[in-house]
Amino acid sequence: MSSLPFADPIFGIPSWLDIIVRVIVAALVLTVIVIYATYGERKLLGRFQQRLGPMKTGPWGLWQGVADAVKLVGKEDIRPNNADRWVFEFAPYLTFIPIFVTLVTLPVAQEWGIRNLSLGLFFVFAVMGLNIVGIVMAGLGSGNKYALLGGVRAAAQMISYEIPLVISLLSVTMVAGTLDLNLIAAMQSLSPDEGQHAPFIALQPLAFLIFFTAMLSELHRAPFDIPVAESEVVGGYFVEYSGIRWSMFQLAEYASLFAWAIFGSVVFLGGWAVPGPDTFNLGSWWGPDWAWHAAFTIVKALLWFVVIVWIRATVPRLRIDQLMNFCWKVLLPLSLVQFLMTGFAVVYEWPEWVMAITSAAGAAVLIAIIIRRALRKPKNTLVGSYRRAQVPVQ
C-alpha cells in the first residue's frame, strides 16, 4: 500500500505559512472542544446521577463552559511564598505543550491534518509521555506536601502503566507492519485491496482492553484518579494553582483526553475508515470524502469519550496499592502474553481468526480477574508494610 500524504496547502499559500495556519486552527478548535467537553461530561454525569447538570447559563446550559473560562481568566493568579517561582510558573506550560504537539500527526480524515509522519504512532506516544515532567514540576515547585505527594503518585502511576500500554501498541504494529497512523487506519477498512485487516479491536481485543485501561491511568481518570484524590491529597499536584494557570491544567487534561480518544480510535477502530468496500467513495452520496471521514472520526472519538465518562460515574477509586498491583501483576503479564501470541501469529503466518480467538481468550481472562477482584470481600487487616509489621487494626 502506498503512503497517504496529507493534502497540499489548503489555502494555496507557502508550506511554512500553511503549517502555522493549521496549528492556529487546531489550537482554536481544541479550545472550543475542551470547553464543551467539560459541559458534555457534566451533562452525562448528571444523567447518570438523575439530575439535569448545567441549565442556567444559556439555553440548556450551553454557555456554562464559556462562562467558566471567562471566570478563570479573570481570577487572581496567586503564587505561594514558599514556592519555587520558575518551576511553579513553567509547570503548566510543560504539562500542556506536549499534549498539543501530539495533534500534529493525528489524522482527522484521510488527507486532513497538520502533518503526516511515517513514525506517527511512535511520535504520539513519545511526546505524550513528556507531560510527566510538568506534573512533577508542579508538585515539587508548589512547596506543598499534598502537591508533592500528588506529583509523586502521578509519576509512579504513569511510568508503571506506560509499560503495558507500549507493549499493547507493539502488538498492533507487528500486525500492521507500519507506524504510520494513516496507513494503520486505512488498512482497517476491509476493502478488497491486499493488506486489509479487520478493525484491531476485533483482531486483538486483549491489546485493546490493556490499552484502554492503561490510557485511563495515563489520563488520571477514574478509577485511576488517585494522584488528584480530594480525600487524600486535596486536589493533587495543582492544588496551589489558581486562575489561568489552574485552567491550563484543566485544558491539558481534556486536551489529552481528546488526543487519546482520536489516537485510540485510529489505532483500534480504524479512525476515519469504515469497514466495507466503498470506504473512499462516500462523496458520491453527498459532500466531499474528507467531510465524511472527519465525521466518522469524531463519532468514534465521542463514543470513546462517553465510555470514559461512564466509567467515571460507575467505578470507585482504587487504592494506591491496588492500582500498582493491578499494573505489575495483571496488565504487564497479560500484555507480554499478547505480545508473544502476536509474534507467533506473524512469524508463522497464522490465520487472523486464530489470532482473534487467542486474544479474545486473554481478554476474557482479564475481565474475569477484574470481576473477581471487584467482588472479593475486603479483609479486616491493613495493607503493605503495616500488614508485614503485624500492626493490630483498631
Protein backbone atom coordinates (compact mmCIF):
# COMPACT_ATOMS: atom_id res chain seq x y z
CA MET A 1 0.00 0.00 0.00
CA SER A 2 1.37 3.39 -0.93
CA SER A 3 1.78 6.20 1.53
CA LEU A 4 -1.15 8.53 2.17
CA PRO A 5 0.37 12.02 2.44
CA PHE A 6 -1.64 14.89 3.87
CA ALA A 7 -3.11 17.39 1.43
CA ASP A 8 -1.27 20.29 -0.15
CA PRO A 9 -1.56 23.75 1.45
CA ILE A 10 -5.28 24.27 1.98
CA PHE A 11 -5.26 27.96 1.08
CA GLY A 12 -2.69 27.84 -1.71
CA ILE A 13 -0.11 29.59 0.46
CA PRO A 14 3.56 28.66 1.08
CA SER A 15 4.04 25.47 3.09
CA TRP A 16 5.72 27.20 6.07
CA LEU A 17 2.77 29.60 6.39
CA ASP A 18 0.29 26.82 5.81
CA ILE A 19 1.53 24.84 8.81
CA ILE A 20 1.27 27.96 11.01
CA VAL A 21 -2.35 28.41 9.90
CA ARG A 22 -3.10 24.78 10.62
CA VAL A 23 -1.57 25.00 14.12
CA ILE A 24 -3.58 28.13 14.92
CA VAL A 25 -6.78 26.50 13.66
CA ALA A 26 -6.01 23.38 15.71
CA ALA A 27 -5.45 25.49 18.85
CA LEU A 28 -8.74 27.34 18.40
CA VAL A 29 -10.68 24.16 17.66
CA LEU A 30 -9.05 22.43 20.64
CA THR A 31 -10.08 25.27 22.97
CA VAL A 32 -13.70 25.01 21.85
CA ILE A 33 -13.60 21.23 22.17
CA VAL A 34 -12.26 21.44 25.73
CA ILE A 35 -14.94 23.97 26.74
CA TYR A 36 -17.74 21.75 25.50
CA ALA A 37 -16.07 18.53 26.64
CA THR A 38 -16.38 19.79 30.22
CA TYR A 39 -20.01 20.71 29.53
CA GLY A 40 -20.70 17.31 27.98
CA GLU A 41 -19.09 15.46 30.88
CA ARG A 42 -21.13 17.40 33.44
CA LYS A 43 -24.31 16.68 31.48
CA LEU A 44 -23.53 12.97 31.20
CA LEU A 45 -22.65 12.70 34.88
CA GLY A 46 -25.90 14.50 35.69
CA ARG A 47 -27.88 11.93 33.72
CA PHE A 48 -26.10 9.07 35.43
CA GLN A 49 -26.89 10.63 38.81
CA GLN A 50 -30.51 11.51 37.92
CA ARG A 51 -30.08 15.28 37.76
CA LEU A 52 -30.02 17.85 34.98
CA GLY A 53 -26.49 19.19 35.09
CA PRO A 54 -25.77 22.78 33.95
CA MET A 55 -29.01 24.52 32.93
CA LYS A 56 -28.80 28.18 33.99
CA THR A 57 -26.27 29.78 31.63
CA GLY A 58 -27.68 29.90 28.12
CA PRO A 59 -30.25 27.53 26.63
CA TRP A 60 -29.81 24.09 28.23
CA GLY A 61 -26.69 25.49 29.89
CA LEU A 62 -24.74 25.65 26.62
CA TRP A 63 -22.78 28.74 27.69
CA GLN A 64 -21.70 27.30 31.04
CA GLY A 65 -18.28 26.27 29.75
CA VAL A 66 -17.69 29.69 28.22
CA ALA A 67 -18.71 31.37 31.49
CA ASP A 68 -16.31 29.15 33.44
CA ALA A 69 -13.48 30.00 31.05
CA VAL A 70 -14.10 33.74 31.38
CA LYS A 71 -14.24 33.40 35.17
CA LEU A 72 -10.91 31.55 35.30
CA VAL A 73 -9.19 34.10 33.07
CA GLY A 74 -10.35 36.90 35.36
CA LYS A 75 -9.36 35.27 38.64
CA GLU A 76 -6.28 36.37 40.54
CA ASP A 77 -3.13 34.36 39.88
CA ILE A 78 -1.69 33.51 43.31
CA ARG A 79 1.75 32.03 43.96
CA PRO A 80 2.66 30.73 47.44
CA ASN A 81 5.59 32.43 49.17
CA ASN A 82 7.48 29.18 49.68
CA ALA A 83 7.03 28.02 46.08
CA ASP A 84 9.91 27.86 43.62
CA ARG A 85 8.95 30.71 41.27
CA TRP A 86 10.25 29.48 37.92
CA VAL A 87 9.40 25.82 38.46
CA PHE A 88 5.93 26.78 39.70
CA GLU A 89 5.17 29.10 36.79
CA PHE A 90 6.55 26.97 33.95
CA ALA A 91 4.97 23.67 35.06
CA PRO A 92 1.53 24.34 33.44
CA TYR A 93 3.18 25.04 30.08
CA LEU A 94 5.26 21.87 30.18
CA THR A 95 2.09 19.94 31.00
CA PHE A 96 0.03 21.31 28.11
CA ILE A 97 2.56 21.75 25.29
CA PRO A 98 3.37 18.00 24.82
CA ILE A 99 -0.36 17.25 24.59
CA PHE A 100 -0.85 19.91 21.94
CA VAL A 101 2.18 18.75 19.94
CA THR A 102 0.66 15.27 19.58
CA LEU A 103 -2.15 16.81 17.50
CA VAL A 104 0.44 17.44 14.76
CA THR A 105 0.28 13.90 13.44
CA LEU A 106 -3.23 12.72 14.40
CA PRO A 107 -5.26 12.15 11.19
CA VAL A 108 -8.79 13.53 11.36
CA ALA A 109 -9.53 12.44 7.79
CA GLN A 110 -7.68 10.61 5.04
CA GLU A 111 -5.86 13.72 3.83
CA TRP A 112 -6.62 16.23 6.57
CA GLY A 113 -4.40 17.08 9.49
CA ILE A 114 -1.42 19.23 10.32
CA ARG A 115 1.33 16.95 9.02
CA ASN A 116 1.79 13.25 8.35
CA LEU A 117 4.71 11.37 9.92
CA SER A 118 5.89 7.93 8.91
CA LEU A 119 6.61 7.25 12.61
CA GLY A 120 3.37 8.84 13.78
CA LEU A 121 2.46 6.20 16.37
CA PHE A 122 5.89 6.35 17.96
CA PHE A 123 5.85 10.16 17.89
CA VAL A 124 2.47 10.39 19.63
CA PHE A 125 3.44 8.09 22.44
CA ALA A 126 6.92 9.55 22.91
CA VAL A 127 5.64 13.13 23.12
CA MET A 128 2.55 12.30 25.16
CA GLY A 129 4.72 10.92 27.95
CA LEU A 130 6.65 14.19 28.31
CA ASN A 131 3.85 15.89 30.28
CA ILE A 132 5.00 13.92 33.31
CA VAL A 133 7.83 16.48 33.56
CA GLY A 134 5.34 19.30 34.05
CA ILE A 135 3.34 17.29 36.57
CA VAL A 136 6.39 16.54 38.71
CA MET A 137 7.50 20.18 38.44
CA ALA A 138 4.07 21.35 39.62
CA GLY A 139 4.17 19.07 42.65
CA LEU A 140 7.77 19.87 43.51
CA GLY A 141 7.63 23.61 42.90
CA SER A 142 4.43 24.29 44.85
CA GLY A 143 6.08 23.96 48.26
CA ASN A 144 3.12 21.91 49.46
CA LYS A 145 3.34 18.38 50.82
CA TYR A 146 -0.01 17.39 49.31
CA ALA A 147 1.03 18.69 45.90
CA LEU A 148 4.34 16.85 46.19
CA LEU A 149 2.56 13.63 47.15
CA GLY A 150 0.19 14.00 44.21
CA GLY A 151 3.09 14.59 41.82
CA VAL A 152 4.99 11.55 43.09
CA ARG A 153 1.89 9.39 42.81
CA ALA A 154 1.28 10.62 39.28
CA ALA A 155 4.88 9.92 38.26
CA ALA A 156 4.85 6.39 39.67
CA GLN A 157 1.49 5.65 38.11
CA MET A 158 2.29 7.00 34.66
CA ILE A 159 5.70 5.32 34.43
CA SER A 160 4.23 1.98 35.52
CA TYR A 161 1.24 1.94 33.17
CA GLU A 162 3.25 3.14 30.19
CA ILE A 163 4.92 -0.29 30.00
CA PRO A 164 1.81 -2.41 29.28
CA LEU A 165 0.45 0.41 27.09
CA VAL A 166 3.53 0.34 24.86
CA ILE A 167 3.53 -3.45 24.66
CA SER A 168 -0.13 -3.45 23.59
CA LEU A 169 0.68 -0.95 20.83
CA LEU A 170 3.64 -3.08 19.72
CA SER A 171 1.24 -5.96 19.20
CA VAL A 172 -0.78 -3.79 16.83
CA THR A 173 2.26 -2.54 14.92
CA MET A 174 3.51 -6.09 14.37
CA VAL A 175 0.29 -6.91 12.54
CA ALA A 176 0.09 -3.57 10.73
CA GLY A 177 3.76 -3.56 9.74
CA THR A 178 3.96 0.23 9.96
CA LEU A 179 3.98 3.11 12.44
CA ASP A 180 2.14 5.46 10.07
CA LEU A 181 -1.23 6.27 11.67
CA ASN A 182 -2.82 6.97 8.27
CA LEU A 183 -1.85 3.55 6.95
CA ILE A 184 -2.96 1.87 10.18
CA ALA A 185 -6.40 3.48 9.82
CA ALA A 186 -6.66 2.73 6.10
CA MET A 187 -5.85 -0.97 6.46
CA GLN A 188 -8.84 -1.46 8.80
CA SER A 189 -11.39 -0.66 6.08
CA LEU A 190 -11.79 -4.26 4.83
CA SER A 191 -11.67 -3.09 1.20
CA PRO A 192 -10.74 -5.68 -1.46
CA ASP A 193 -7.17 -4.37 -1.68
CA GLU A 194 -4.33 -6.54 -0.44
CA GLY A 195 -3.16 -5.88 3.11
CA GLN A 196 -6.54 -5.09 4.66
CA HIS A 197 -7.45 -6.28 8.15
CA ALA A 198 -10.44 -6.36 10.44
CA PRO A 199 -10.53 -3.49 12.95
CA PHE A 200 -7.85 -4.21 15.52
CA ILE A 201 -10.40 -4.08 18.35
CA ALA A 202 -11.79 -7.34 16.89
CA LEU A 203 -8.42 -8.75 15.88
CA GLN A 204 -6.72 -8.06 19.22
CA PRO A 205 -9.35 -7.45 21.93
CA LEU A 206 -6.87 -8.13 24.75
CA ALA A 207 -4.49 -5.46 23.43
CA PHE A 208 -7.43 -3.06 23.22
CA LEU A 209 -8.51 -3.67 26.83
CA ILE A 210 -4.93 -3.26 28.08
CA PHE A 211 -4.51 -0.07 26.06
CA PHE A 212 -7.82 1.38 27.26
CA THR A 213 -7.10 0.58 30.92
CA ALA A 214 -3.58 1.99 30.77
CA MET A 215 -4.91 5.06 28.95
CA LEU A 216 -7.31 5.76 31.84
CA SER A 217 -4.34 5.62 34.18
CA GLU A 218 -2.30 7.97 31.98
CA LEU A 219 -5.21 10.41 31.96
CA HIS A 220 -5.71 10.15 35.73
CA ARG A 221 -9.35 9.29 35.14
CA ALA A 222 -11.47 7.19 37.48
CA PRO A 223 -10.81 4.62 38.82
CA PHE A 224 -7.15 5.64 38.45
CA ASP A 225 -7.52 9.24 39.70
CA ILE A 226 -5.51 8.68 42.90
CA PRO A 227 -2.98 11.49 42.05
CA VAL A 228 -5.77 14.07 42.40
CA ALA A 229 -7.82 12.37 45.12
CA GLU A 230 -9.69 15.07 47.04
CA SER A 231 -9.97 12.97 50.20
CA GLU A 232 -6.21 12.34 50.43
CA VAL A 233 -4.20 14.98 48.58
CA VAL A 234 -6.93 17.69 48.37
CA GLY A 235 -6.60 18.13 44.62
CA GLY A 236 -3.18 16.73 43.82
CA TYR A 237 -0.20 18.33 42.15
CA PHE A 238 -2.08 21.52 41.10
CA VAL A 239 -3.68 22.22 44.48
CA GLU A 240 -1.77 25.52 44.86
CA TYR A 241 -2.66 26.82 41.39
CA SER A 242 -5.46 29.26 40.66
CA GLY A 243 -6.88 31.33 37.82
CA ILE A 244 -5.38 30.96 34.39
CA ARG A 245 -2.62 28.55 35.49
CA TRP A 246 -5.14 26.18 37.03
CA SER A 247 -7.19 26.37 33.84
CA MET A 248 -4.12 25.27 31.87
CA PHE A 249 -4.04 22.04 33.85
CA GLN A 250 -7.72 21.53 33.08
CA LEU A 251 -7.05 22.36 29.43
CA ALA A 252 -4.22 19.80 29.38
CA GLU A 253 -6.45 17.15 30.98
CA TYR A 254 -9.27 17.45 28.49
CA ALA A 255 -6.95 18.05 25.54
CA SER A 256 -5.12 14.82 26.38
CA LEU A 257 -8.49 13.06 26.68
CA PHE A 258 -9.39 14.30 23.20
CA ALA A 259 -5.96 13.34 21.81
CA TRP A 260 -6.09 9.85 23.32
CA ALA A 261 -9.66 9.41 22.00
CA ILE A 262 -8.57 10.25 18.44
CA PHE A 263 -5.40 8.16 18.78
CA GLY A 264 -7.24 5.13 20.18
CA SER A 265 -9.98 5.33 17.56
CA VAL A 266 -7.36 5.45 14.79
CA VAL A 267 -5.35 2.51 16.12
CA PHE A 268 -8.19 0.18 17.18
CA LEU A 269 -11.36 1.43 15.44
CA GLY A 270 -9.97 2.48 12.07
CA GLY A 271 -10.27 6.22 12.61
CA TRP A 272 -11.84 7.72 9.51
CA ALA A 273 -12.05 4.34 7.76
CA VAL A 274 -15.31 2.37 7.75
CA PRO A 275 -15.41 -1.42 7.26
CA GLY A 276 -16.67 -2.03 3.74
CA PRO A 277 -15.55 -1.97 0.09
CA ASP A 278 -16.71 1.61 -0.65
CA THR A 279 -14.87 3.46 2.08
CA PHE A 280 -13.36 6.06 -0.25
CA ASN A 281 -16.47 6.63 -2.40
CA LEU A 282 -18.71 8.18 0.22
CA GLY A 283 -18.55 11.53 -1.55
CA SER A 284 -20.75 10.10 -4.30
CA TRP A 285 -23.64 10.19 -1.80
CA TRP A 286 -23.37 13.76 -0.58
CA GLY A 287 -20.47 16.07 0.20
CA PRO A 288 -16.71 15.51 -0.16
CA ASP A 289 -14.93 12.42 1.16
CA TRP A 290 -12.95 14.34 3.76
CA ALA A 291 -16.16 15.57 5.42
CA TRP A 292 -17.44 12.01 5.78
CA HIS A 293 -14.06 10.84 7.10
CA ALA A 294 -13.91 13.65 9.67
CA ALA A 295 -17.47 12.84 10.76
CA PHE A 296 -16.61 9.16 11.28
CA THR A 297 -13.51 10.09 13.30
CA ILE A 298 -15.48 12.49 15.51
CA VAL A 299 -18.25 9.95 16.12
CA LYS A 300 -15.74 7.31 17.19
CA ALA A 301 -13.93 9.80 19.44
CA LEU A 302 -17.25 10.82 21.03
CA LEU A 303 -18.05 7.17 21.68
CA TRP A 304 -14.64 6.83 23.34
CA PHE A 305 -15.39 9.94 25.45
CA VAL A 306 -18.80 8.64 26.57
CA VAL A 307 -17.31 5.33 27.73
CA ILE A 308 -14.66 7.17 29.78
CA VAL A 309 -17.31 9.31 31.49
CA TRP A 310 -19.47 6.22 32.03
CA ILE A 311 -16.60 4.53 33.84
CA ARG A 312 -16.05 7.61 35.99
CA ALA A 313 -19.71 7.59 37.05
CA THR A 314 -19.83 3.90 37.96
CA VAL A 315 -16.42 2.63 39.13
CA PRO A 316 -14.99 3.63 42.55
CA ARG A 317 -11.44 4.87 43.00
CA LEU A 318 -8.67 2.32 43.60
CA ARG A 319 -6.26 2.47 46.50
CA ILE A 320 -2.64 3.15 45.60
CA ASP A 321 -1.60 -0.44 46.41
CA GLN A 322 -4.47 -1.85 44.32
CA LEU A 323 -3.55 0.47 41.46
CA MET A 324 0.11 -0.59 41.36
CA ASN A 325 -0.61 -4.29 41.92
CA PHE A 326 -3.08 -4.31 39.05
CA CYS A 327 -0.43 -2.93 36.70
CA TRP A 328 2.51 -5.13 37.65
CA LYS A 329 0.65 -8.35 38.48
CA VAL A 330 -2.17 -8.31 35.92
CA LEU A 331 -1.71 -5.93 32.98
CA LEU A 332 2.02 -6.43 32.46
CA PRO A 333 1.93 -10.28 32.31
CA LEU A 334 -1.13 -10.26 30.05
CA SER A 335 0.44 -7.67 27.75
CA LEU A 336 3.52 -9.88 27.43
CA VAL A 337 1.28 -12.86 26.62
CA GLN A 338 -0.47 -10.81 23.95
CA PHE A 339 2.88 -9.73 22.54
CA LEU A 340 4.13 -13.34 22.33
CA MET A 341 0.87 -14.58 20.77
CA THR A 342 1.02 -11.85 18.13
CA GLY A 343 4.68 -12.64 17.43
CA PHE A 344 3.93 -16.32 16.83
CA ALA A 345 0.95 -15.43 14.63
CA VAL A 346 3.03 -13.06 12.48
CA VAL A 347 6.12 -15.28 12.20
CA TYR A 348 4.23 -18.49 11.40
CA GLU A 349 1.55 -16.70 9.34
CA TRP A 350 -1.41 -17.96 11.31
CA PRO A 351 -4.88 -17.02 10.05
CA GLU A 352 -6.32 -13.87 11.57
CA TRP A 353 -9.18 -15.77 13.18
CA VAL A 354 -6.67 -17.74 15.26
CA MET A 355 -5.12 -14.50 16.48
CA ALA A 356 -8.57 -13.10 17.27
CA ILE A 357 -9.65 -16.20 19.25
CA THR A 358 -6.47 -16.39 21.33
CA SER A 359 -6.62 -12.67 22.07
CA ALA A 360 -10.30 -12.93 22.97
CA ALA A 361 -9.44 -15.72 25.42
CA GLY A 362 -6.88 -13.45 27.04
CA ALA A 363 -9.44 -10.63 27.17
CA ALA A 364 -11.88 -13.00 28.92
CA VAL A 365 -9.18 -13.82 31.49
CA LEU A 366 -8.58 -10.10 32.12
CA ILE A 367 -12.31 -9.41 32.57
CA ALA A 368 -12.62 -12.41 34.91
CA ILE A 369 -9.73 -11.14 37.04
CA ILE A 370 -11.30 -7.69 37.28
CA ILE A 371 -14.70 -9.11 38.27
CA ARG A 372 -13.15 -11.47 40.82
CA ARG A 373 -11.17 -8.69 42.45
CA ALA A 374 -14.19 -6.39 42.46
CA LEU A 375 -16.36 -9.00 44.20
CA ARG A 376 -13.73 -10.09 46.71
CA LYS A 377 -14.61 -9.09 50.27
CA PRO A 378 -12.09 -6.76 51.92
CA LYS A 379 -10.00 -8.24 54.70
CA ASN A 380 -10.07 -6.71 58.15
CA THR A 381 -6.35 -6.00 58.03
CA LEU A 382 -4.07 -3.20 57.00
CA VAL A 383 -2.06 -3.29 53.79
CA GLY A 384 1.56 -3.06 52.76
CA SER A 385 4.25 -2.57 55.38
CA TYR A 386 1.66 -2.34 58.16
CA ARG A 387 0.48 -5.87 57.39
CA ARG A 388 4.04 -7.20 57.37
CA ALA A 389 4.70 -5.50 60.71
CA GLN A 390 1.62 -7.16 62.20
CA VAL A 391 0.13 -3.85 63.35
CA PRO A 392 -3.22 -4.52 65.05
CA VAL A 393 -6.32 -2.97 63.50
CA GLN A 394 -8.19 -0.62 65.81
